[in-house]
Amino acid sequence: QVQLVESGGGLVQPGGSLRLSCAASGRIFSYNSMAWYRQAPGKEREMVALINSRGSTDYADSVKGRFTIFRDNAKNTLYLQMNSLRSEDTAVYYCYAGGGYWGQGTQVTVSS
């Protein structure tokens, strides 16, 4: 059974940084594309960053230059390094694995 478990969310001041982690079970990790999505209150879920099995990445325009997605295949873990955080980054962040697998989400709140 595939499981994705996110961690690392929390409260941070504007301009601060957080690193999210997504621990994946099973054999999906090495060859599946992985992504981070987020959903803010009253808004639709949106893709934030994506990484494929070869390590190629793509980002939403709103986070380019501030967020970095990377993966450690040996640890079966996906990461999202978030720098220069803004209030509009406040959302629940979800880990996604190709094949339709979702984590439970982790809350990120950017506020002074």
PDB file of N, CA and C in Angstrom:
ATOM      1  N   GLN A   1       0.840  -1.187   0.000  1.00  0.00           N
ATOM      2  CA  GLN A   1       0.000   0.000   0.000  1.00  0.00           C
ATOM      3  C   GLN A   1       0.879   1.242   0.000  1.00  0.00           C
ATOM      4  N   VAL A   2       0.534   2.190  -0.868  1.00  0.00           N
ATOM      5  CA  VAL A   2       1.316   3.414  -0.984  1.00  0.00           C
ATOM      6  C   VAL A   2       0.884   4.400   0.086  1.00  0.00           C
ATOM      7  N   GLN A   3       1.864   4.989   0.741  1.00  0.00           N
ATOM      8  CA  GLN A   3       1.591   6.038   1.725  1.00  0.00           C
ATOM      9  C   GLN A   3       2.549   7.205   1.524  1.00  0.00           C
ATOM     10  N   LEU A   4       2.018   8.405   1.635  1.00  0.00           N
ATOM     11  CA  LEU A   4       2.817   9.624   1.593  1.00  0.00           C
ATOM     12  C   LEU A   4       2.532  10.398   2.875  1.00  0.00           C
ATOM     13  N   VAL A   5       3.591  10.738   3.605  1.00  0.00           N
ATOM     14  CA  VAL A   5       3.432  11.424   4.886  1.00  0.00           C
ATOM     15  C   VAL A   5       4.267  12.697   4.873  1.00  0.00           C
ATOM     16  N   GLU A   6       3.547  13.844   4.922  1.00  0.00           N
ATOM     17  CA  GLU A   6       4.232  15.138   4.916  1.00  0.00           C
ATOM     18  C   GLU A   6       4.581  15.580   6.332  1.00  0.00           C
ATOM     19  N   SER A   7       5.605  16.405   6.426  1.00  0.00           N
ATOM     20  CA  SER A   7       5.978  17.035   7.691  1.00  0.00           C
ATOM     21  C   SER A   7       6.731  18.326   7.392  1.00  0.00           C
ATOM     22  N   GLY A   8       6.902  19.145   8.440  1.00  0.00           N
ATOM     23  CA  GLY A   8       7.698  20.351   8.287  1.00  0.00           C
ATOM     24  C   GLY A   8       6.921  21.645   8.216  1.00  0.00           C
ATOM     25  N   GLY A   9       5.600  21.556   8.182  1.00  0.00           N
ATOM     26  CA  GLY A   9       4.815  22.777   8.151  1.00  0.00           C
ATOM     27  C   GLY A   9       4.852  23.502   9.487  1.00  0.00           C
ATOM     28  N   GLY A  10       4.292  24.711   9.504  1.00  0.00           N
ATOM     29  CA  GLY A  10       4.248  25.472  10.736  1.00  0.00           C
ATOM     30  C   GLY A  10       3.995  26.933  10.481  1.00  0.00           C
ATOM     31  N   LEU A  11       4.231  27.734  11.516  1.00  0.00           N
ATOM     32  CA  LEU A  11       4.049  29.185  11.444  1.00  0.00           C
ATOM     33  C   LEU A  11       5.408  29.841  11.245  1.00  0.00           C
ATOM     34  N   VAL A  12       5.486  30.745  10.285  1.00  0.00           N
ATOM     35  CA  VAL A  12       6.736  31.441   9.992  1.00  0.00           C
ATOM     36  C   VAL A  12       6.426  32.890   9.643  1.00  0.00           C
ATOM     37  N   GLN A  13       7.345  33.781   9.946  1.00  0.00           N
ATOM     38  CA  GLN A  13       7.160  35.186   9.617  1.00  0.00           C
ATOM     39  C   GLN A  13       7.452  35.433   8.143  1.00  0.00           C
ATOM     40  N   PRO A  14       6.866  36.469   7.580  1.00  0.00           N
ATOM     41  CA  PRO A  14       7.191  36.828   6.186  1.00  0.00           C
ATOM     42  C   PRO A  14       8.697  37.000   6.019  1.00  0.00           C
ATOM     43  N   GLY A  15       9.201  36.464   4.901  1.00  0.00           N
ATOM     44  CA  GLY A  15      10.635  36.487   4.641  1.00  0.00           C
ATOM     45  C   GLY A  15      11.381  35.291   5.175  1.00  0.00           C
ATOM     46  N   GLY A  16      10.703  34.475   5.972  1.00  0.00           N
ATOM     47  CA  GLY A  16      11.343  33.314   6.568  1.00  0.00           C
ATOM     48  C   GLY A  16      11.376  32.115   5.632  1.00  0.00           C
ATOM     49  N   SER A  17      11.858  30.998   6.173  1.00  0.00           N
ATOM     50  CA  SER A  17      12.026  29.777   5.389  1.00  0.00           C
ATOM     51  C   SER A  17      11.442  28.578   6.117  1.00  0.00           C
ATOM     52  N   LEU A  18      11.023  27.603   5.339  1.00  0.00           N
ATOM     53  CA  LEU A  18      10.591  26.305   5.847  1.00  0.00           C
ATOM     54  C   LEU A  18      11.014  25.243   4.852  1.00  0.00           C
ATOM     55  N   ARG A  19      11.216  24.035   5.352  1.00  0.00           N
ATOM     56  CA  ARG A  19      11.474  22.892   4.472  1.00  0.00           C
ATOM     57  C   ARG A  19      10.428  21.829   4.768  1.00  0.00           C
ATOM     58  N   LEU A  20       9.663  21.485   3.756  1.00  0.00           N
ATOM     59  CA  LEU A  20       8.688  20.405   3.860  1.00  0.00           C
ATOM     60  C   LEU A  20       9.312  19.091   3.406  1.00  0.00           C
ATOM     61  N   SER A  21       8.884  18.023   4.047  1.00  0.00           N
ATOM     62  CA  SER A  21       9.332  16.685   3.675  1.00  0.00           C
ATOM     63  C   SER A  21       8.133  15.798   3.396  1.00  0.00           C
ATOM     64  N   CYS A  22       8.327  14.839   2.514  1.00  0.00           N
ATOM     65  CA  CYS A  22       7.282  13.862   2.192  1.00  0.00           C
ATOM     66  C   CYS A  22       7.940  12.495   2.133  1.00  0.00           C
ATOM     67  N   ALA A  23       7.653  11.675   3.124  1.00  0.00           N
ATOM     68  CA  ALA A  23       8.198  10.333   3.176  1.00  0.00           C
ATOM     69  C   ALA A  23       7.268   9.383   2.434  1.00  0.00           C
ATOM     70  N   ALA A  24       7.800   8.679   1.461  1.00  0.00           N
ATOM     71  CA  ALA A  24       6.998   7.798   0.613  1.00  0.00           C
ATOM     72  C   ALA A  24       7.309   6.341   0.899  1.00  0.00           C
ATOM     73  N   SER A  25       6.277   5.540   0.903  1.00  0.00           N
ATOM     74  CA  SER A  25       6.452   4.110   1.093  1.00  0.00           C
ATOM     75  C   SER A  25       6.404   3.395  -0.246  1.00  0.00           C
ATOM     76  N   GLY A  26       6.807   2.153  -0.265  1.00  0.00           N
ATOM     77  CA  GLY A  26       6.695   1.347  -1.456  1.00  0.00           C
ATOM     78  C   GLY A  26       7.749   1.649  -2.491  1.00  0.00           C
ATOM     79  N   ARG A  27       7.574   1.086  -3.686  1.00  0.00           N
ATOM     80  CA  ARG A  27       8.560   1.225  -4.749  1.00  0.00           C
ATOM     81  C   ARG A  27       8.222   2.339  -5.714  1.00  0.00           C
ATOM     82  N   ILE A  28       7.252   3.160  -5.366  1.00  0.00           N
ATOM     83  CA  ILE A  28       6.841   4.167  -6.326  1.00  0.00           C
ATOM     84  C   ILE A  28       7.865   5.264  -6.476  1.00  0.00           C
ATOM     85  N   PHE A  29       8.654   5.456  -5.477  1.00  0.00           N
ATOM     86  CA  PHE A  29       9.393   6.699  -5.381  1.00  0.00           C
ATOM     87  C   PHE A  29      10.400   6.876  -6.499  1.00  0.00           C
ATOM     88  N   SER A  30      11.157   5.839  -6.827  1.00  0.00           N
ATOM     89  CA  SER A  30      12.284   6.022  -7.730  1.00  0.00           C
ATOM     90  C   SER A  30      11.871   6.329  -9.162  1.00  0.00           C
ATOM     91  N   TYR A  31      10.701   5.881  -9.570  1.00  0.00           N
ATOM     92  CA  TYR A  31      10.373   6.090 -10.976  1.00  0.00           C
ATOM     93  C   TYR A  31       9.100   6.890 -11.198  1.00  0.00           C
ATOM     94  N   ASN A  32       8.484   7.349 -10.121  1.00  0.00           N
ATOM     95  CA  ASN A  32       7.293   8.184 -10.283  1.00  0.00           C
ATOM     96  C   ASN A  32       7.663   9.660 -10.258  1.00  0.00           C
ATOM     97  N   SER A  33       6.962  10.445 -11.042  1.00  0.00           N
ATOM     98  CA  SER A  33       7.019  11.885 -10.859  1.00  0.00           C
ATOM     99  C   SER A  33       6.365  12.225  -9.530  1.00  0.00           C
ATOM    100  N   MET A  34       6.906  13.258  -8.898  1.00  0.00           N
ATOM    101  CA  MET A  34       6.389  13.695  -7.608  1.00  0.00           C
ATOM    102  C   MET A  34       6.137  15.192  -7.678  1.00  0.00           C
ATOM    103  N   ALA A  35       5.264  15.673  -6.829  1.00  0.00           N
ATOM    104  CA  ALA A  35       4.928  17.086  -6.871  1.00  0.00           C
ATOM    105  C   ALA A  35       4.436  17.569  -5.514  1.00  0.00           C
ATOM    106  N   TRP A  36       4.491  18.873  -5.354  1.00  0.00           N
ATOM    107  CA  TRP A  36       3.849  19.542  -4.228  1.00  0.00           C
ATOM    108  C   TRP A  36       2.703  20.393  -4.767  1.00  0.00           C
ATOM    109  N   TYR A  37       1.577  20.289  -4.107  1.00  0.00           N
ATOM    110  CA  TYR A  37       0.420  21.126  -4.388  1.00  0.00           C
ATOM    111  C   TYR A  37       0.095  21.896  -3.108  1.00  0.00           C
ATOM    112  N   ARG A  38      -0.717  22.931  -3.269  1.00  0.00           N
ATOM    113  CA  ARG A  38      -1.202  23.653  -2.094  1.00  0.00           C
ATOM    114  C   ARG A  38      -2.634  24.113  -2.329  1.00  0.00           C
ATOM    115  N   GLN A  39      -3.328  24.293  -1.209  1.00  0.00           N
ATOM    116  CA  GLN A  39      -4.702  24.778  -1.283  1.00  0.00           C
ATOM    117  C   GLN A  39      -4.919  25.776  -0.165  1.00  0.00           C
ATOM    118  N   ALA A  40      -5.224  27.000  -0.561  1.00  0.00           N
ATOM    119  CA  ALA A  40      -5.523  28.057   0.396  1.00  0.00           C
ATOM    120  C   ALA A  40      -7.030  28.095   0.641  1.00  0.00           C
ATOM    121  N   PRO A  41      -7.476  28.647   1.766  1.00  0.00           N
ATOM    122  CA  PRO A  41      -8.912  28.707   2.054  1.00  0.00           C
ATOM    123  C   PRO A  41      -9.679  29.410   0.942  1.00  0.00           C
ATOM    124  N   GLY A  42     -10.730  28.764   0.473  1.00  0.00           N
ATOM    125  CA  GLY A  42     -11.573  29.340  -0.550  1.00  0.00           C
ATOM    126  C   GLY A  42     -11.013  29.286  -1.956  1.00  0.00           C
ATOM    127  N   LYS A  43      -9.863  28.622  -2.120  1.00  0.00           N
ATOM    128  CA  LYS A  43      -9.245  28.540  -3.439  1.00  0.00           C
ATOM    129  C   LYS A  43      -9.086  27.090  -3.871  1.00  0.00           C
ATOM    130  N   GLU A  44      -8.885  26.903  -5.165  1.00  0.00           N
ATOM    131  CA  GLU A  44      -8.661  25.562  -5.684  1.00  0.00           C
ATOM    132  C   GLU A  44      -7.223  25.107  -5.395  1.00  0.00           C
ATOM    133  N   ARG A  45      -7.070  23.794  -5.365  1.00  0.00           N
ATOM    134  CA  ARG A  45      -5.731  23.241  -5.192  1.00  0.00           C
ATOM    135  C   ARG A  45      -4.903  23.552  -6.434  1.00  0.00           C
ATOM    136  N   GLU A  46      -3.642  23.960  -6.233  1.00  0.00           N
ATOM    137  CA  GLU A  46      -2.781  24.313  -7.345  1.00  0.00           C
ATOM    138  C   GLU A  46      -1.430  23.628  -7.219  1.00  0.00           C
ATOM    139  N   MET A  47      -0.828  23.337  -8.366  1.00  0.00           N
ATOM    140  CA  MET A  47       0.499  22.745  -8.379  1.00  0.00           C
ATOM    141  C   MET A  47       1.526  23.812  -8.039  1.00  0.00           C
ATOM    142  N   VAL A  48       2.436  23.493  -7.148  1.00  0.00           N
ATOM    143  CA  VAL A  48       3.498  24.403  -6.741  1.00  0.00           C
ATOM    144  C   VAL A  48       4.814  24.044  -7.429  1.00  0.00           C
ATOM    145  N   ALA A  49       5.164  22.764  -7.386  1.00  0.00           N
ATOM    146  CA  ALA A  49       6.435  22.328  -7.957  1.00  0.00           C
ATOM    147  C   ALA A  49       6.347  20.854  -8.301  1.00  0.00           C
ATOM    148  N   LEU A  50       7.076  20.465  -9.354  1.00  0.00           N
ATOM    149  CA  LEU A  50       7.055  19.085  -9.828  1.00  0.00           C
ATOM    150  C   LEU A  50       8.473  18.645 -10.141  1.00  0.00           C
ATOM    151  N   ILE A  51       8.746  17.363  -9.893  1.00  0.00           N
ATOM    152  CA  ILE A  51      10.034  16.777 -10.252  1.00  0.00           C
ATOM    153  C   ILE A  51       9.795  15.396 -10.842  1.00  0.00           C
ATOM    154  N   ASN A  52      10.427  15.112 -11.979  1.00  0.00           N
ATOM    155  CA  ASN A  52      10.219  13.793 -12.571  1.00  0.00           C
ATOM    156  C   ASN A  52      11.339  12.836 -12.144  1.00  0.00           C
ATOM    157  N   SER A  53      11.280  11.622 -12.666  1.00  0.00           N
ATOM    158  CA  SER A  53      12.219  10.592 -12.242  1.00  0.00           C
ATOM    159  C   SER A  53      13.658  10.910 -12.626  1.00  0.00           C
ATOM    160  N   ARG A  54      13.830  11.777 -13.644  1.00  0.00           N
ATOM    161  CA  ARG A  54      15.188  12.149 -14.076  1.00  0.00           C
ATOM    162  C   ARG A  54      15.699  13.392 -13.354  1.00  0.00           C
ATOM    163  N   GLY A  55      14.844  13.970 -12.525  1.00  0.00           N
ATOM    164  CA  GLY A  55      15.257  15.143 -11.758  1.00  0.00           C
ATOM    165  C   GLY A  55      14.908  16.467 -12.380  1.00  0.00           C
ATOM    166  N   SER A  56      14.239  16.456 -13.518  1.00  0.00           N
ATOM    167  CA  SER A  56      13.790  17.703 -14.131  1.00  0.00           C
ATOM    168  C   SER A  56      12.661  18.305 -13.307  1.00  0.00           C
ATOM    169  N   THR A  57      12.673  19.626 -13.189  1.00  0.00           N
ATOM    170  CA  THR A  57      11.721  20.300 -12.319  1.00  0.00           C
ATOM    171  C   THR A  57      10.909  21.345 -13.066  1.00  0.00           C
ATOM    172  N   ASP A  58       9.778  21.698 -12.478  1.00  0.00           N
ATOM    173  CA  ASP A  58       8.930  22.752 -12.992  1.00  0.00           C
ATOM    174  C   ASP A  58       8.264  23.415 -11.797  1.00  0.00           C
ATOM    175  N   TYR A  59       8.007  24.714 -11.917  1.00  0.00           N
ATOM    176  CA  TYR A  59       7.464  25.490 -10.801  1.00  0.00           C
ATOM    177  C   TYR A  59       6.335  26.396 -11.254  1.00  0.00           C
ATOM    178  N   ALA A  60       5.425  26.655 -10.340  1.00  0.00           N
ATOM    179  CA  ALA A  60       4.438  27.697 -10.575  1.00  0.00           C
ATOM    180  C   ALA A  60       5.161  29.042 -10.637  1.00  0.00           C
ATOM    181  N   ASP A  61       4.665  29.942 -11.465  1.00  0.00           N
ATOM    182  CA  ASP A  61       5.319  31.244 -11.608  1.00  0.00           C
ATOM    183  C   ASP A  61       5.433  31.974 -10.270  1.00  0.00           C
ATOM    184  N   SER A  62       4.449  31.784  -9.423  1.00  0.00           N
ATOM    185  CA  SER A  62       4.405  32.519  -8.157  1.00  0.00           C
ATOM    186  C   SER A  62       5.512  32.117  -7.177  1.00  0.00           C
ATOM    187  N   VAL A  63       6.146  30.963  -7.400  1.00  0.00           N
ATOM    188  CA  VAL A  63       7.173  30.501  -6.461  1.00  0.00           C
ATOM    189  C   VAL A  63       8.554  30.382  -7.092  1.00  0.00           C
ATOM    190  N   LYS A  64       8.665  30.639  -8.387  1.00  0.00           N
ATOM    191  CA  LYS A  64       9.964  30.521  -9.062  1.00  0.00           C
ATOM    192  C   LYS A  64      10.994  31.445  -8.415  1.00  0.00           C
ATOM    193  N   GLY A  65      12.178  30.897  -8.173  1.00  0.00           N
ATOM    194  CA  GLY A  65      13.239  31.661  -7.538  1.00  0.00           C
ATOM    195  C   GLY A  65      13.181  31.657  -6.025  1.00  0.00           C
ATOM    196  N   ARG A  66      12.078  31.189  -5.451  1.00  0.00           N
ATOM    197  CA  ARG A  66      11.937  31.152  -3.990  1.00  0.00           C
ATOM    198  C   ARG A  66      11.858  29.723  -3.450  1.00  0.00           C
ATOM    199  N   PHE A  67      11.230  28.828  -4.196  1.00  0.00           N
ATOM    200  CA  PHE A  67      11.042  27.443  -3.761  1.00  0.00           C
ATOM    201  C   PHE A  67      11.924  26.518  -4.587  1.00  0.00           C
ATOM    202  N   THR A  68      12.363  25.438  -3.951  1.00  0.00           N
ATOM    203  CA  THR A  68      13.147  24.416  -4.637  1.00  0.00           C
ATOM    204  C   THR A  68      12.615  23.042  -4.265  1.00  0.00           C
ATOM    205  N   ILE A  69      12.294  22.239  -5.272  1.00  0.00           N
ATOM    206  CA  ILE A  69      11.860  20.863  -5.045  1.00  0.00           C
ATOM    207  C   ILE A  69      13.038  19.938  -5.331  1.00  0.00           C
ATOM    208  N   PHE A  70      13.225  18.957  -4.475  1.00  0.00           N
ATOM    209  CA  PHE A  70      14.278  17.972  -4.713  1.00  0.00           C
ATOM    210  C   PHE A  70      13.895  16.673  -4.019  1.00  0.00           C
ATOM    211  N   ARG A  71      14.567  15.615  -4.434  1.00  0.00           N
ATOM    212  CA  ARG A  71      14.221  14.297  -3.909  1.00  0.00           C
ATOM    213  C   ARG A  71      15.483  13.541  -3.537  1.00  0.00           C
ATOM    214  N   ASP A  72      15.371  12.688  -2.541  1.00  0.00           N
ATOM    215  CA  ASP A  72      16.447  11.795  -2.138  1.00  0.00           C
ATOM    216  C   ASP A  72      15.927  10.379  -2.329  1.00  0.00           C
ATOM    217  N   ASN A  73      16.285   9.755  -3.441  1.00  0.00           N
ATOM    218  CA  ASN A  73      15.754   8.433  -3.742  1.00  0.00           C
ATOM    219  C   ASN A  73      16.190   7.391  -2.714  1.00  0.00           C
ATOM    220  N   ALA A  74      17.379   7.551  -2.165  1.00  0.00           N
ATOM    221  CA  ALA A  74      17.863   6.583  -1.181  1.00  0.00           C
ATOM    222  C   ALA A  74      17.018   6.612   0.085  1.00  0.00           C
ATOM    223  N   LYS A  75      16.473   7.779   0.403  1.00  0.00           N
ATOM    224  CA  LYS A  75      15.645   7.917   1.604  1.00  0.00           C
ATOM    225  C   LYS A  75      14.160   7.891   1.290  1.00  0.00           C
ATOM    226  N   ASN A  76      13.808   7.710   0.014  1.00  0.00           N
ATOM    227  CA  ASN A  76      12.391   7.722  -0.377  1.00  0.00           C
ATOM    228  C   ASN A  76      11.686   8.981   0.126  1.00  0.00           C
ATOM    229  N   THR A  77      12.348  10.114   0.000  1.00  0.00           N
ATOM    230  CA  THR A  77      11.804  11.349   0.536  1.00  0.00           C
ATOM    231  C   THR A  77      11.851  12.466  -0.500  1.00  0.00           C
ATOM    232  N   LEU A  78      10.765  13.207  -0.545  1.00  0.00           N
ATOM    233  CA  LEU A  78      10.639  14.386  -1.387  1.00  0.00           C
ATOM    234  C   LEU A  78      10.684  15.606  -0.485  1.00  0.00           C
ATOM    235  N   TYR A  79      11.290  16.691  -0.965  1.00  0.00           N
ATOM    236  CA  TYR A  79      11.417  17.909  -0.170  1.00  0.00           C
ATOM    237  C   TYR A  79      10.921  19.121  -0.943  1.00  0.00           C
ATOM    238  N   LEU A  80      10.554  20.135  -0.187  1.00  0.00           N
ATOM    239  CA  LEU A  80      10.268  21.444  -0.761  1.00  0.00           C
ATOM    240  C   LEU A  80      10.911  22.482   0.150  1.00  0.00           C
ATOM    241  N   GLN A  81      11.967  23.104  -0.350  1.00  0.00           N
ATOM    242  CA  GLN A  81      12.616  24.187   0.382  1.00  0.00           C
ATOM    243  C   GLN A  81      11.931  25.484  -0.012  1.00  0.00           C
ATOM    244  N   MET A  82      11.401  26.187   0.977  1.00  0.00           N
ATOM    245  CA  MET A  82      10.648  27.409   0.726  1.00  0.00           C
ATOM    246  C   MET A  82      11.358  28.578   1.403  1.00  0.00           C
ATOM    247  N   ASN A  83      11.811  29.513   0.602  1.00  0.00           N
ATOM    248  CA  ASN A  83      12.495  30.707   1.102  1.00  0.00           C
ATOM    249  C   ASN A  83      11.693  31.957   0.760  1.00  0.00           C
ATOM    250  N   SER A  84      12.028  33.045   1.428  1.00  0.00           N
ATOM    251  CA  SER A  84      11.366  34.335   1.177  1.00  0.00           C
ATOM    252  C   SER A  84       9.857  34.186   1.188  1.00  0.00           C
ATOM    253  N   LEU A  85       9.354  33.528   2.199  1.00  0.00           N
ATOM    254  CA  LEU A  85       7.924  33.243   2.271  1.00  0.00           C
ATOM    255  C   LEU A  85       7.094  34.505   2.405  1.00  0.00           C
ATOM    256  N   ARG A  86       5.911  34.449   1.798  1.00  0.00           N
ATOM    257  CA  ARG A  86       4.973  35.581   1.786  1.00  0.00           C
ATOM    258  C   ARG A  86       3.659  35.134   2.394  1.00  0.00           C
ATOM    259  N   SER A  87       2.859  36.101   2.791  1.00  0.00           N
ATOM    260  CA  SER A  87       1.558  35.756   3.376  1.00  0.00           C
ATOM    261  C   SER A  87       0.705  34.958   2.395  1.00  0.00           C
ATOM    262  N   GLU A  88       0.850  35.231   1.118  1.00  0.00           N
ATOM    263  CA  GLU A  88       0.052  34.509   0.119  1.00  0.00           C
ATOM    264  C   GLU A  88       0.502  33.059  -0.089  1.00  0.00           C
ATOM    265  N   ASP A  89       1.585  32.664   0.543  1.00  0.00           N
ATOM    266  CA  ASP A  89       2.002  31.262   0.516  1.00  0.00           C
ATOM    267  C   ASP A  89       1.263  30.427   1.571  1.00  0.00           C
ATOM    268  N   THR A  90       0.499  31.079   2.414  1.00  0.00           N
ATOM    269  CA  THR A  90      -0.261  30.365   3.437  1.00  0.00           C
ATOM    270  C   THR A  90      -1.252  29.410   2.794  1.00  0.00           C
ATOM    271  N   ALA A  91      -1.158  28.143   3.158  1.00  0.00           N
ATOM    272  CA  ALA A  91      -2.015  27.116   2.561  1.00  0.00           C
ATOM    273  C   ALA A  91      -1.710  25.774   3.230  1.00  0.00           C
ATOM    274  N   VAL A  92      -2.533  24.801   2.911  1.00  0.00           N
ATOM    275  CA  VAL A  92      -2.194  23.416   3.226  1.00  0.00           C
ATOM    276  C   VAL A  92      -1.421  22.869   2.032  1.00  0.00           C
ATOM    277  N   TYR A  93      -0.268  22.305   2.309  1.00  0.00           N
ATOM    278  CA  TYR A  93       0.601  21.779   1.264  1.00  0.00           C
ATOM    279  C   TYR A  93       0.489  20.256   1.225  1.00  0.00           C
ATOM    280  N   TYR A  94       0.309  19.736   0.009  1.00  0.00           N
ATOM    281  CA  TYR A  94       0.119  18.304  -0.193  1.00  0.00           C
ATOM    282  C   TYR A  94       1.218  17.734  -1.079  1.00  0.00           C
ATOM    283  N   CYS A  95       1.655  16.568  -0.716  1.00  0.00           N
ATOM    284  CA  CYS A  95       2.578  15.788  -1.532  1.00  0.00           C
ATOM    285  C   CYS A  95       1.764  14.911  -2.475  1.00  0.00           C
ATOM    286  N   TYR A  96       2.229  14.802  -3.720  1.00  0.00           N
ATOM    287  CA  TYR A  96       1.543  13.993  -4.718  1.00  0.00           C
ATOM    288  C   TYR A  96       2.547  13.106  -5.435  1.00  0.00           C
ATOM    289  N   ALA A  97       2.159  11.845  -5.673  1.00  0.00           N
ATOM    290  CA  ALA A  97       2.975  10.922  -6.455  1.00  0.00           C
ATOM    291  C   ALA A  97       2.196  10.455  -7.664  1.00  0.00           C
ATOM    292  N   GLY A  98       2.885  10.383  -8.799  1.00  0.00           N
ATOM    293  CA  GLY A  98       2.239   9.904 -10.009  1.00  0.00           C
ATOM    294  C   GLY A  98       1.538   8.577  -9.787  1.00  0.00           C
ATOM    295  N   GLY A  99       0.335   8.463 -10.342  1.00  0.00           N
ATOM    296  CA  GLY A  99      -0.490   7.295 -10.074  1.00  0.00           C
ATOM    297  C   GLY A  99      -1.673   7.621  -9.196  1.00  0.00           C
ATOM    298  N   GLY A 100      -1.735   8.888  -8.773  1.00  0.00           N
ATOM    299  CA  GLY A 100      -2.907   9.337  -8.034  1.00  0.00           C
ATOM    300  C   GLY A 100      -2.805   9.257  -6.531  1.00  0.00           C
ATOM    301  N   TYR A 101      -1.598   9.311  -6.002  1.00  0.00           N
ATOM    302  CA  TYR A 101      -1.414   9.172  -4.551  1.00  0.00           C
ATOM    303  C   TYR A 101      -1.196  10.544  -3.901  1.00  0.00           C
ATOM    304  N   TRP A 102      -1.908  10.765  -2.802  1.00  0.00           N
ATOM    305  CA  TRP A 102      -1.838  12.035  -2.091  1.00  0.00           C
ATOM    306  C   TRP A 102      -1.487  11.798  -0.623  1.00  0.00           C
ATOM    307  N   GLY A 103      -0.749  12.775  -0.060  1.00  0.00           N
ATOM    308  CA  GLY A 103      -0.543  12.786   1.373  1.00  0.00           C
ATOM    309  C   GLY A 103      -1.701  13.480   2.061  1.00  0.00           C
ATOM    310  N   GLN A 104      -1.612  13.566   3.383  1.00  0.00           N
ATOM    311  CA  GLN A 104      -2.708  14.129   4.164  1.00  0.00           C
ATOM    312  C   GLN A 104      -2.624  15.645   4.263  1.00  0.00           C
ATOM    313  N   GLY A 105      -1.492  16.225   3.922  1.00  0.00           N
ATOM    314  CA  GLY A 105      -1.322  17.668   3.944  1.00  0.00           C
ATOM    315  C   GLY A 105      -0.654  18.171   5.206  1.00  0.00           C
ATOM    316  N   THR A 106       0.036  19.293   5.066  1.00  0.00           N
ATOM    317  CA  THR A 106       0.658  19.958   6.210  1.00  0.00           C
ATOM    318  C   THR A 106       0.419  21.459   6.085  1.00  0.00           C
ATOM    319  N   GLN A 107       0.039  22.083   7.189  1.00  0.00           N
ATOM    320  CA  GLN A 107      -0.326  23.494   7.161  1.00  0.00           C
ATOM    321  C   GLN A 107       0.918  24.374   7.203  1.00  0.00           C
ATOM    322  N   VAL A 108       0.954  25.352   6.311  1.00  0.00           N
ATOM    323  CA  VAL A 108       1.985  26.396   6.324  1.00  0.00           C
ATOM    324  C   VAL A 108       1.284  27.733   6.491  1.00  0.00           C
ATOM    325  N   THR A 109       1.654  28.455   7.526  1.00  0.00           N
ATOM    326  CA  THR A 109       1.078  29.765   7.793  1.00  0.00           C
ATOM    327  C   THR A 109       2.193  30.795   7.844  1.00  0.00           C
ATOM    328  N   VAL A 110       2.064  31.807   6.996  1.00  0.00           N
ATOM    329  CA  VAL A 110       3.060  32.885   6.948  1.00  0.00           C
ATOM    330  C   VAL A 110       2.391  34.146   7.485  1.00  0.00           C
ATOM    331  N   SER A 111       2.841  34.563   8.651  1.00  0.00           N
ATOM    332  CA  SER A 111       2.189  35.693   9.311  1.00  0.00           C
ATOM    333  C   SER A 111       3.133  36.298  10.334  1.00  0.00           C
ATOM    334  N   SER A 112       3.001  37.612  10.514  1.00  0.00           N
ATOM    335  CA  SER A 112       3.786  38.290  11.544  1.00  0.00           C
ATOM    336  C   SER A 112       2.996  38.375  12.843  1.00  0.00           C
TER     337      SER A 112
END
